[in-house]
Amino acid sequence: RQCAGLHATLRSLRESLPPGSLSIEARQYPLDRQCNPY
């Protein structure tokens, strides 16, 4: 749920700040031992 809140925050920043101010890169950390040994 906190990740969903972060996503909404990044959408707000992307829409409110000048273009080229930031780049947003999504990477994955699924909390499932089926694909995440950590």
PDB file of all heavy atoms in Angstrom:
ATOM      1  N   ARG A   1       0.819  -1.214   0.000  1.00  0.00           N
ATOM      2  CA  ARG A   1       0.000   0.000   0.000  1.00  0.00           C
ATOM      3  C   ARG A   1       0.849   1.258   0.000  1.00  0.00           C
ATOM      4  O   ARG A   1       0.504   2.259  -0.642  1.00  0.00           O
ATOM      5  CB  ARG A   1      -0.939  -0.006   1.216  1.00  0.00           C
ATOM      6  CG  ARG A   1      -2.004  -1.093   1.134  1.00  0.00           C
ATOM      7  CD  ARG A   1      -3.074  -0.900   2.187  1.00  0.00           C
ATOM      8  NE  ARG A   1      -4.123  -1.902   2.057  1.00  0.00           N
ATOM      9  CZ  ARG A   1      -5.235  -1.907   2.780  1.00  0.00           C
ATOM     10  NH1 ARG A   1      -5.425  -0.974   3.707  1.00  0.00           N
ATOM     11  NH2 ARG A   1      -6.146  -2.841   2.595  1.00  0.00           N
ATOM     12  N   GLN A   2       1.952   1.243   0.745  1.00  0.00           N
ATOM     13  CA  GLN A   2       2.819   2.413   0.758  1.00  0.00           C
ATOM     14  C   GLN A   2       3.456   2.618  -0.609  1.00  0.00           C
ATOM     15  O   GLN A   2       3.724   3.752  -1.008  1.00  0.00           O
ATOM     16  CB  GLN A   2       3.894   2.264   1.837  1.00  0.00           C
ATOM     17  CG  GLN A   2       4.645   3.556   2.140  1.00  0.00           C
ATOM     18  CD  GLN A   2       5.557   3.439   3.341  1.00  0.00           C
ATOM     19  OE1 GLN A   2       5.436   2.514   4.137  1.00  0.00           O
ATOM     20  NE2 GLN A   2       6.472   4.385   3.478  1.00  0.00           N
ATOM     21  N   CYS A   3       3.677   1.525  -1.351  1.00  0.00           N
ATOM     22  CA  CYS A   3       4.201   1.649  -2.716  1.00  0.00           C
ATOM     23  C   CYS A   3       3.183   2.332  -3.612  1.00  0.00           C
ATOM     24  O   CYS A   3       3.544   3.134  -4.485  1.00  0.00           O
ATOM     25  CB  CYS A   3       4.549   0.272  -3.281  1.00  0.00           C
ATOM     26  SG  CYS A   3       5.817  -0.619  -2.361  1.00  0.00           S
ATOM     27  N   ALA A   4       1.907   2.014  -3.409  1.00  0.00           N
ATOM     28  CA  ALA A   4       0.851   2.683  -4.175  1.00  0.00           C
ATOM     29  C   ALA A   4       0.833   4.174  -3.872  1.00  0.00           C
ATOM     30  O   ALA A   4       0.652   5.006  -4.771  1.00  0.00           O
ATOM     31  CB  ALA A   4      -0.502   2.053  -3.853  1.00  0.00           C
ATOM     32  N   GLY A   5       1.041   4.538  -2.599  1.00  0.00           N
ATOM     33  CA  GLY A   5       1.120   5.943  -2.237  1.00  0.00           C
ATOM     34  C   GLY A   5       2.312   6.629  -2.880  1.00  0.00           C
ATOM     35  O   GLY A   5       2.222   7.775  -3.336  1.00  0.00           O
ATOM     36  N   LEU A   6       3.457   5.933  -2.932  1.00  0.00           N
ATOM     37  CA  LEU A   6       4.639   6.482  -3.585  1.00  0.00           C
ATOM     38  C   LEU A   6       4.359   6.719  -5.067  1.00  0.00           C
ATOM     39  O   LEU A   6       4.752   7.754  -5.622  1.00  0.00           O
ATOM     40  CB  LEU A   6       5.820   5.524  -3.419  1.00  0.00           C
ATOM     41  CG  LEU A   6       7.058   5.829  -4.272  1.00  0.00           C
ATOM     42  CD1 LEU A   6       7.661   7.176  -3.899  1.00  0.00           C
ATOM     43  CD2 LEU A   6       8.094   4.716  -4.118  1.00  0.00           C
ATOM     44  N   HIS A   7       3.689   5.774  -5.705  1.00  0.00           N
ATOM     45  CA  HIS A   7       3.384   5.915  -7.132  1.00  0.00           C
ATOM     46  C   HIS A   7       2.529   7.160  -7.374  1.00  0.00           C
ATOM     47  O   HIS A   7       2.775   7.918  -8.328  1.00  0.00           O
ATOM     48  CB  HIS A   7       2.667   4.661  -7.633  1.00  0.00           C
ATOM     49  CG  HIS A   7       2.485   4.622  -9.118  1.00  0.00           C
ATOM     50  ND1 HIS A   7       3.510   4.307  -9.985  1.00  0.00           N
ATOM     51  CD2 HIS A   7       1.393   4.887  -9.894  1.00  0.00           C
ATOM     52  CE1 HIS A   7       3.076   4.356 -11.229  1.00  0.00           C
ATOM     53  NE2 HIS A   7       1.789   4.703 -11.209  1.00  0.00           N
ATOM     54  N   ALA A   8       1.541   7.388  -6.497  1.00  0.00           N
ATOM     55  CA  ALA A   8       0.705   8.584  -6.624  1.00  0.00           C
ATOM     56  C   ALA A   8       1.538   9.847  -6.414  1.00  0.00           C
ATOM     57  O   ALA A   8       1.339  10.866  -7.100  1.00  0.00           O
ATOM     58  CB  ALA A   8      -0.441   8.522  -5.619  1.00  0.00           C
ATOM     59  N   THR A   9       2.474   9.805  -5.469  1.00  0.00           N
ATOM     60  CA  THR A   9       3.357  10.950  -5.233  1.00  0.00           C
ATOM     61  C   THR A   9       4.202  11.252  -6.465  1.00  0.00           C
ATOM     62  O   THR A   9       4.346  12.418  -6.871  1.00  0.00           O
ATOM     63  CB  THR A   9       4.274  10.661  -4.030  1.00  0.00           C
ATOM     64  OG1 THR A   9       3.487  10.592  -2.844  1.00  0.00           O
ATOM     65  CG2 THR A   9       5.335  11.736  -3.875  1.00  0.00           C
ATOM     66  N   LEU A  10       4.757  10.221  -7.082  1.00  0.00           N
ATOM     67  CA  LEU A  10       5.594  10.426  -8.262  1.00  0.00           C
ATOM     68  C   LEU A  10       4.776  10.955  -9.434  1.00  0.00           C
ATOM     69  O   LEU A  10       5.267  11.774 -10.224  1.00  0.00           O
ATOM     70  CB  LEU A  10       6.288   9.109  -8.643  1.00  0.00           C
ATOM     71  CG  LEU A  10       7.293   8.577  -7.615  1.00  0.00           C
ATOM     72  CD1 LEU A  10       7.865   7.238  -8.063  1.00  0.00           C
ATOM     73  CD2 LEU A  10       8.424   9.583  -7.390  1.00  0.00           C
ATOM     74  N   ARG A  11       3.528  10.506  -9.551  1.00  0.00           N
ATOM     75  CA  ARG A  11       2.656  11.061 -10.592  1.00  0.00           C
ATOM     76  C   ARG A  11       2.448  12.555 -10.363  1.00  0.00           C
ATOM     77  O   ARG A  11       2.517  13.360 -11.294  1.00  0.00           O
ATOM     78  CB  ARG A  11       1.322  10.329 -10.613  1.00  0.00           C
ATOM     79  CG  ARG A  11       0.329  10.896 -11.623  1.00  0.00           C
ATOM     80  CD  ARG A  11      -1.003  10.188 -11.556  1.00  0.00           C
ATOM     81  NE  ARG A  11      -0.921   8.848 -12.087  1.00  0.00           N
ATOM     82  CZ  ARG A  11      -0.968   8.535 -13.385  1.00  0.00           C
ATOM     83  NH1 ARG A  11      -1.076   9.507 -14.286  1.00  0.00           N
ATOM     84  NH2 ARG A  11      -0.898   7.286 -13.781  1.00  0.00           N
ATOM     85  N   SER A  12       2.211  12.935  -9.094  1.00  0.00           N
ATOM     86  CA  SER A  12       2.001  14.339  -8.767  1.00  0.00           C
ATOM     87  C   SER A  12       3.250  15.168  -9.076  1.00  0.00           C
ATOM     88  O   SER A  12       3.152  16.270  -9.639  1.00  0.00           O
ATOM     89  CB  SER A  12       1.632  14.478  -7.286  1.00  0.00           C
ATOM     90  OG  SER A  12       1.554  15.825  -6.894  1.00  0.00           O
ATOM     91  N   LEU A  13       4.429  14.640  -8.732  1.00  0.00           N
ATOM     92  CA  LEU A  13       5.665  15.365  -9.011  1.00  0.00           C
ATOM     93  C   LEU A  13       5.896  15.506 -10.515  1.00  0.00           C
ATOM     94  O   LEU A  13       6.307  16.569 -11.001  1.00  0.00           O
ATOM     95  CB  LEU A  13       6.855  14.640  -8.381  1.00  0.00           C
ATOM     96  CG  LEU A  13       6.922  14.606  -6.849  1.00  0.00           C
ATOM     97  CD1 LEU A  13       8.137  13.804  -6.397  1.00  0.00           C
ATOM     98  CD2 LEU A  13       6.976  16.014  -6.270  1.00  0.00           C
ATOM     99  N   ARG A  14       5.625  14.455 -11.231  1.00  0.00           N
ATOM    100  CA  ARG A  14       5.845  14.488 -12.680  1.00  0.00           C
ATOM    101  C   ARG A  14       4.942  15.506 -13.363  1.00  0.00           C
ATOM    102  O   ARG A  14       5.336  16.150 -14.336  1.00  0.00           O
ATOM    103  CB  ARG A  14       5.606  13.092 -13.272  1.00  0.00           C
ATOM    104  CG  ARG A  14       6.119  12.918 -14.675  1.00  0.00           C
ATOM    105  CD  ARG A  14       6.002  11.496 -15.156  1.00  0.00           C
ATOM    106  NE  ARG A  14       4.623  11.081 -15.332  1.00  0.00           N
ATOM    107  CZ  ARG A  14       4.247   9.980 -15.981  1.00  0.00           C
ATOM    108  NH1 ARG A  14       5.190   9.181 -16.481  1.00  0.00           N
ATOM    109  NH2 ARG A  14       2.989   9.643 -16.104  1.00  0.00           N
ATOM    110  N   GLU A  15       3.729  15.640 -12.822  1.00  0.00           N
ATOM    111  CA  GLU A  15       2.770  16.557 -13.433  1.00  0.00           C
ATOM    112  C   GLU A  15       2.960  18.004 -12.982  1.00  0.00           C
ATOM    113  O   GLU A  15       2.618  18.933 -13.712  1.00  0.00           O
ATOM    114  CB  GLU A  15       1.348  16.094 -13.102  1.00  0.00           C
ATOM    115  CG  GLU A  15       0.980  14.763 -13.744  1.00  0.00           C
ATOM    116  CD  GLU A  15      -0.375  14.256 -13.282  1.00  0.00           C
ATOM    117  OE1 GLU A  15      -0.942  14.849 -12.324  1.00  0.00           O
ATOM    118  OE2 GLU A  15      -0.871  13.259 -13.854  1.00  0.00           O
ATOM    119  N   SER A  16       3.523  18.212 -11.768  1.00  0.00           N
ATOM    120  CA  SER A  16       3.605  19.563 -11.221  1.00  0.00           C
ATOM    121  C   SER A  16       4.959  20.238 -11.441  1.00  0.00           C
ATOM    122  O   SER A  16       5.047  21.468 -11.385  1.00  0.00           O
ATOM    123  CB  SER A  16       3.295  19.547  -9.719  1.00  0.00           C
ATOM    124  OG  SER A  16       4.250  18.772  -9.017  1.00  0.00           O
ATOM    125  N   LEU A  17       6.000  19.467 -11.671  1.00  0.00           N
ATOM    126  CA  LEU A  17       7.333  20.037 -11.836  1.00  0.00           C
ATOM    127  C   LEU A  17       7.679  20.194 -13.316  1.00  0.00           C
ATOM    128  O   LEU A  17       7.136  19.474 -14.164  1.00  0.00           O
ATOM    129  CB  LEU A  17       8.367  19.155 -11.139  1.00  0.00           C
ATOM    130  CG  LEU A  17       8.234  19.088  -9.617  1.00  0.00           C
ATOM    131  CD1 LEU A  17       9.173  18.039  -9.047  1.00  0.00           C
ATOM    132  CD2 LEU A  17       8.520  20.457  -8.986  1.00  0.00           C
ATOM    133  N   PRO A  18       8.584  21.109 -13.629  1.00  0.00           N
ATOM    134  CA  PRO A  18       8.933  21.341 -15.035  1.00  0.00           C
ATOM    135  C   PRO A  18       9.463  20.072 -15.701  1.00  0.00           C
ATOM    136  O   PRO A  18      10.147  19.268 -15.063  1.00  0.00           O
ATOM    137  CB  PRO A  18      10.020  22.424 -14.956  1.00  0.00           C
ATOM    138  CG  PRO A  18       9.791  23.095 -13.648  1.00  0.00           C
ATOM    139  CD  PRO A  18       9.285  22.034 -12.725  1.00  0.00           C
ATOM    140  N   PRO A  19       9.158  19.875 -16.970  1.00  0.00           N
ATOM    141  CA  PRO A  19       9.671  18.708 -17.700  1.00  0.00           C
ATOM    142  C   PRO A  19      11.198  18.678 -17.656  1.00  0.00           C
ATOM    143  O   PRO A  19      11.866  19.725 -17.730  1.00  0.00           O
ATOM    144  CB  PRO A  19       9.157  18.930 -19.133  1.00  0.00           C
ATOM    145  CG  PRO A  19       7.972  19.834 -18.983  1.00  0.00           C
ATOM    146  CD  PRO A  19       8.292  20.719 -17.816  1.00  0.00           C
ATOM    147  N   GLY A  20      11.741  17.500 -17.519  1.00  0.00           N
ATOM    148  CA  GLY A  20      13.188  17.349 -17.459  1.00  0.00           C
ATOM    149  C   GLY A  20      13.779  17.522 -16.077  1.00  0.00           C
ATOM    150  O   GLY A  20      14.994  17.407 -15.900  1.00  0.00           O
ATOM    151  N   SER A  21      12.924  17.796 -15.046  1.00  0.00           N
ATOM    152  CA  SER A  21      13.426  17.983 -13.685  1.00  0.00           C
ATOM    153  C   SER A  21      13.866  16.667 -13.062  1.00  0.00           C
ATOM    154  O   SER A  21      14.773  16.642 -12.232  1.00  0.00           O
ATOM    155  CB  SER A  21      12.361  18.628 -12.804  1.00  0.00           C
ATOM    156  OG  SER A  21      12.000  19.891 -13.286  1.00  0.00           O
ATOM    157  N   LEU A  22      13.191  15.594 -13.416  1.00  0.00           N
ATOM    158  CA  LEU A  22      13.501  14.305 -12.811  1.00  0.00           C
ATOM    159  C   LEU A  22      13.203  13.181 -13.784  1.00  0.00           C
ATOM    160  O   LEU A  22      12.392  13.328 -14.699  1.00  0.00           O
ATOM    161  CB  LEU A  22      12.702  14.094 -11.527  1.00  0.00           C
ATOM    162  CG  LEU A  22      11.204  13.768 -11.660  1.00  0.00           C
ATOM    163  CD1 LEU A  22      10.706  13.093 -10.390  1.00  0.00           C
ATOM    164  CD2 LEU A  22      10.375  15.003 -11.947  1.00  0.00           C
ATOM    165  N   SER A  23      13.874  12.085 -13.584  1.00  0.00           N
ATOM    166  CA  SER A  23      13.542  10.848 -14.282  1.00  0.00           C
ATOM    167  C   SER A  23      13.115   9.828 -13.245  1.00  0.00           C
ATOM    168  O   SER A  23      13.718   9.756 -12.164  1.00  0.00           O
ATOM    169  CB  SER A  23      14.739  10.329 -15.088  1.00  0.00           C
ATOM    170  OG  SER A  23      15.835  10.057 -14.240  1.00  0.00           O
ATOM    171  N   ILE A  24      12.064   9.102 -13.551  1.00  0.00           N
ATOM    172  CA  ILE A  24      11.507   8.115 -12.626  1.00  0.00           C
ATOM    173  C   ILE A  24      11.743   6.738 -13.211  1.00  0.00           C
ATOM    174  O   ILE A  24      11.339   6.455 -14.347  1.00  0.00           O
ATOM    175  CB  ILE A  24      10.003   8.357 -12.399  1.00  0.00           C
ATOM    176  CG1 ILE A  24       9.784   9.745 -11.798  1.00  0.00           C
ATOM    177  CG2 ILE A  24       9.421   7.280 -11.495  1.00  0.00           C
ATOM    178  CD1 ILE A  24       8.316  10.141 -11.712  1.00  0.00           C
ATOM    179  N   GLU A  25      12.405   5.894 -12.448  1.00  0.00           N
ATOM    180  CA  GLU A  25      12.720   4.546 -12.909  1.00  0.00           C
ATOM    181  C   GLU A  25      12.073   3.527 -11.990  1.00  0.00           C
ATOM    182  O   GLU A  25      12.326   3.516 -10.780  1.00  0.00           O
ATOM    183  CB  GLU A  25      14.232   4.340 -12.935  1.00  0.00           C
ATOM    184  CG  GLU A  25      14.634   2.953 -13.403  1.00  0.00           C
ATOM    185  CD  GLU A  25      16.125   2.720 -13.303  1.00  0.00           C
ATOM    186  OE1 GLU A  25      16.778   3.372 -12.472  1.00  0.00           O
ATOM    187  OE2 GLU A  25      16.638   1.870 -14.054  1.00  0.00           O
ATOM    188  N   ALA A  26      11.229   2.695 -12.564  1.00  0.00           N
ATOM    189  CA  ALA A  26      10.557   1.653 -11.792  1.00  0.00           C
ATOM    190  C   ALA A  26      11.372   0.366 -11.852  1.00  0.00           C
ATOM    191  O   ALA A  26      11.690  -0.137 -12.929  1.00  0.00           O
ATOM    192  CB  ALA A  26       9.156   1.405 -12.346  1.00  0.00           C
ATOM    193  N   ARG A  27      11.721  -0.138 -10.679  1.00  0.00           N
ATOM    194  CA  ARG A  27      12.362  -1.449 -10.565  1.00  0.00           C
ATOM    195  C   ARG A  27      11.575  -2.288  -9.572  1.00  0.00           C
ATOM    196  O   ARG A  27      10.749  -1.762  -8.829  1.00  0.00           O
ATOM    197  CB  ARG A  27      13.834  -1.305 -10.170  1.00  0.00           C
ATOM    198  CG  ARG A  27      14.682  -0.732 -11.310  1.00  0.00           C
ATOM    199  CD  ARG A  27      16.147  -0.695 -11.010  1.00  0.00           C
ATOM    200  NE  ARG A  27      16.910  -0.218 -12.141  1.00  0.00           N
ATOM    201  CZ  ARG A  27      17.666  -0.979 -12.934  1.00  0.00           C
ATOM    202  NH1 ARG A  27      17.761  -2.278 -12.705  1.00  0.00           N
ATOM    203  NH2 ARG A  27      18.330  -0.446 -13.941  1.00  0.00           N
ATOM    204  N   GLN A  28      11.841  -3.565  -9.571  1.00  0.00           N
ATOM    205  CA  GLN A  28      10.935  -4.494  -8.901  1.00  0.00           C
ATOM    206  C   GLN A  28      11.567  -5.137  -7.670  1.00  0.00           C
ATOM    207  O   GLN A  28      12.748  -5.505  -7.687  1.00  0.00           O
ATOM    208  CB  GLN A  28      10.493  -5.598  -9.883  1.00  0.00           C
ATOM    209  CG  GLN A  28       9.990  -5.080 -11.228  1.00  0.00           C
ATOM    210  CD  GLN A  28       8.860  -4.084 -11.078  1.00  0.00           C
ATOM    211  OE1 GLN A  28       7.947  -4.282 -10.270  1.00  0.00           O
ATOM    212  NE2 GLN A  28       8.904  -3.010 -11.852  1.00  0.00           N
ATOM    213  N   TYR A  29      10.752  -5.270  -6.623  1.00  0.00           N
ATOM    214  CA  TYR A  29      11.165  -6.007  -5.419  1.00  0.00           C
ATOM    215  C   TYR A  29       9.931  -6.735  -4.875  1.00  0.00           C
ATOM    216  O   TYR A  29       9.387  -6.381  -3.824  1.00  0.00           O
ATOM    217  CB  TYR A  29      11.730  -5.058  -4.361  1.00  0.00           C
ATOM    218  CG  TYR A  29      12.595  -5.772  -3.335  1.00  0.00           C
ATOM    219  CD1 TYR A  29      13.946  -5.966  -3.566  1.00  0.00           C
ATOM    220  CD2 TYR A  29      12.050  -6.267  -2.154  1.00  0.00           C
ATOM    221  CE1 TYR A  29      14.742  -6.623  -2.646  1.00  0.00           C
ATOM    222  CE2 TYR A  29      12.839  -6.927  -1.229  1.00  0.00           C
ATOM    223  CZ  TYR A  29      14.183  -7.107  -1.471  1.00  0.00           C
ATOM    224  OH  TYR A  29      14.959  -7.761  -0.556  1.00  0.00           O
ATOM    225  N   PRO A  30       9.459  -7.779  -5.606  1.00  0.00           N
ATOM    226  CA  PRO A  30       8.260  -8.506  -5.149  1.00  0.00           C
ATOM    227  C   PRO A  30       8.526  -9.273  -3.860  1.00  0.00           C
ATOM    228  O   PRO A  30       9.554  -9.943  -3.720  1.00  0.00           O
ATOM    229  CB  PRO A  30       7.967  -9.458  -6.314  1.00  0.00           C
ATOM    230  CG  PRO A  30       9.294  -9.632  -7.008  1.00  0.00           C
ATOM    231  CD  PRO A  30      10.008  -8.321  -6.849  1.00  0.00           C
ATOM    232  N   LEU A  31       7.615  -9.146  -2.918  1.00  0.00           N
ATOM    233  CA  LEU A  31       7.752  -9.830  -1.629  1.00  0.00           C
ATOM    234  C   LEU A  31       7.168 -11.231  -1.722  1.00  0.00           C
ATOM    235  O   LEU A  31       6.131 -11.552  -1.143  1.00  0.00           O
ATOM    236  CB  LEU A  31       7.067  -9.012  -0.530  1.00  0.00           C
ATOM    237  CG  LEU A  31       7.601  -7.593  -0.331  1.00  0.00           C
ATOM    238  CD1 LEU A  31       6.818  -6.867   0.753  1.00  0.00           C
ATOM    239  CD2 LEU A  31       9.088  -7.615   0.017  1.00  0.00           C
ATOM    240  N   ASP A  32       7.853 -12.059  -2.474  1.00  0.00           N
ATOM    241  CA  ASP A  32       7.401 -13.431  -2.697  1.00  0.00           C
ATOM    242  C   ASP A  32       8.643 -14.289  -2.925  1.00  0.00           C
ATOM    243  O   ASP A  32       9.422 -14.033  -3.856  1.00  0.00           O
ATOM    244  CB  ASP A  32       6.468 -13.496  -3.908  1.00  0.00           C
ATOM    245  CG  ASP A  32       5.778 -14.848  -4.040  1.00  0.00           C
ATOM    246  OD1 ASP A  32       6.378 -15.874  -3.638  1.00  0.00           O
ATOM    247  OD2 ASP A  32       4.636 -14.892  -4.545  1.00  0.00           O
ATOM    248  N   ARG A  33       8.814 -15.304  -2.096  1.00  0.00           N
ATOM    249  CA  ARG A  33      10.000 -16.146  -2.202  1.00  0.00           C
ATOM    250  C   ARG A  33      10.015 -16.977  -3.477  1.00  0.00           C
ATOM    251  O   ARG A  33      11.042 -17.562  -3.826  1.00  0.00           O
ATOM    252  CB  ARG A  33      10.101 -17.069  -0.980  1.00  0.00           C
ATOM    253  CG  ARG A  33      10.430 -16.332   0.309  1.00  0.00           C
ATOM    254  CD  ARG A  33      10.768 -17.298   1.434  1.00  0.00           C
ATOM    255  NE  ARG A  33      11.979 -18.057   1.149  1.00  0.00           N
ATOM    256  CZ  ARG A  33      13.210 -17.616   1.373  1.00  0.00           C
ATOM    257  NH1 ARG A  33      13.395 -16.408   1.875  1.00  0.00           N
ATOM    258  NH2 ARG A  33      14.253 -18.364   1.100  1.00  0.00           N
ATOM    259  N   GLN A  34       8.900 -17.027  -4.198  1.00  0.00           N
ATOM    260  CA  GLN A  34       8.883 -17.738  -5.469  1.00  0.00           C
ATOM    261  C   GLN A  34       9.858 -17.107  -6.464  1.00  0.00           C
ATOM    262  O   GLN A  34      10.413 -17.812  -7.318  1.00  0.00           O
ATOM    263  CB  GLN A  34       7.465 -17.711  -6.055  1.00  0.00           C
ATOM    264  CG  GLN A  34       6.425 -18.456  -5.240  1.00  0.00           C
ATOM    265  CD  GLN A  34       6.625 -19.965  -5.286  1.00  0.00           C
ATOM    266  OE1 GLN A  34       7.088 -20.507  -6.295  1.00  0.00           O
ATOM    267  NE2 GLN A  34       6.290 -20.648  -4.207  1.00  0.00           N
ATOM    268  N   CYS A  35      10.065 -15.796  -6.344  1.00  0.00           N
ATOM    269  CA  CYS A  35      10.951 -15.113  -7.295  1.00  0.00           C
ATOM    270  C   CYS A  35      11.948 -14.182  -6.610  1.00  0.00           C
ATOM    271  O   CYS A  35      12.760 -13.547  -7.288  1.00  0.00           O
ATOM    272  CB  CYS A  35      10.128 -14.330  -8.319  1.00  0.00           C
ATOM    273  SG  CYS A  35       8.990 -13.135  -7.589  1.00  0.00           S
ATOM    274  N   ASN A  36      11.884 -14.075  -5.287  1.00  0.00           N
ATOM    275  CA  ASN A  36      12.781 -13.185  -4.553  1.00  0.00           C
ATOM    276  C   ASN A  36      13.461 -13.956  -3.427  1.00  0.00           C
ATOM    277  O   ASN A  36      12.883 -14.158  -2.356  1.00  0.00           O
ATOM    278  CB  ASN A  36      11.995 -11.999  -3.977  1.00  0.00           C
ATOM    279  CG  ASN A  36      12.893 -11.005  -3.245  1.00  0.00           C
ATOM    280  OD1 ASN A  36      14.094 -11.225  -3.074  1.00  0.00           O
ATOM    281  ND2 ASN A  36      12.313  -9.903  -2.795  1.00  0.00           N
ATOM    282  N   PRO A  37      14.693 -14.401  -3.640  1.00  0.00           N
ATOM    283  CA  PRO A  37      15.384 -15.192  -2.610  1.00  0.00           C
ATOM    284  C   PRO A  37      15.720 -14.385  -1.356  1.00  0.00           C
ATOM    285  O   PRO A  37      16.030 -14.969  -0.319  1.00  0.00           O
ATOM    286  CB  PRO A  37      16.656 -15.658  -3.314  1.00  0.00           C
ATOM    287  CG  PRO A  37      16.894 -14.633  -4.385  1.00  0.00           C
ATOM    288  CD  PRO A  37      15.528 -14.203  -4.831  1.00  0.00           C
ATOM    289  N   TYR A  38      15.649 -13.050  -1.426  1.00  0.00           N
ATOM    290  CA  TYR A  38      15.977 -12.215  -0.270  1.00  0.00           C
ATOM    291  C   TYR A  38      14.766 -11.959   0.625  1.00  0.00           C
ATOM    292  O   TYR A  38      14.912 -11.428   1.724  1.00  0.00           O
ATOM    293  CB  TYR A  38      16.531 -10.858  -0.724  1.00  0.00           C
ATOM    294  CG  TYR A  38      17.709 -10.957  -1.648  1.00  0.00           C
ATOM    295  CD1 TYR A  38      17.584 -10.640  -3.006  1.00  0.00           C
ATOM    296  CD2 TYR A  38      18.959 -11.361  -1.195  1.00  0.00           C
ATOM    297  CE1 TYR A  38      18.669 -10.724  -3.869  1.00  0.00           C
ATOM    298  CE2 TYR A  38      20.043 -11.457  -2.040  1.00  0.00           C
ATOM    299  CZ  TYR A  38      19.890 -11.136  -3.386  1.00  0.00           C
ATOM    300  OH  TYR A  38      20.964 -11.222  -4.234  1.00  0.00           O
TER     301      TYR A  38
END
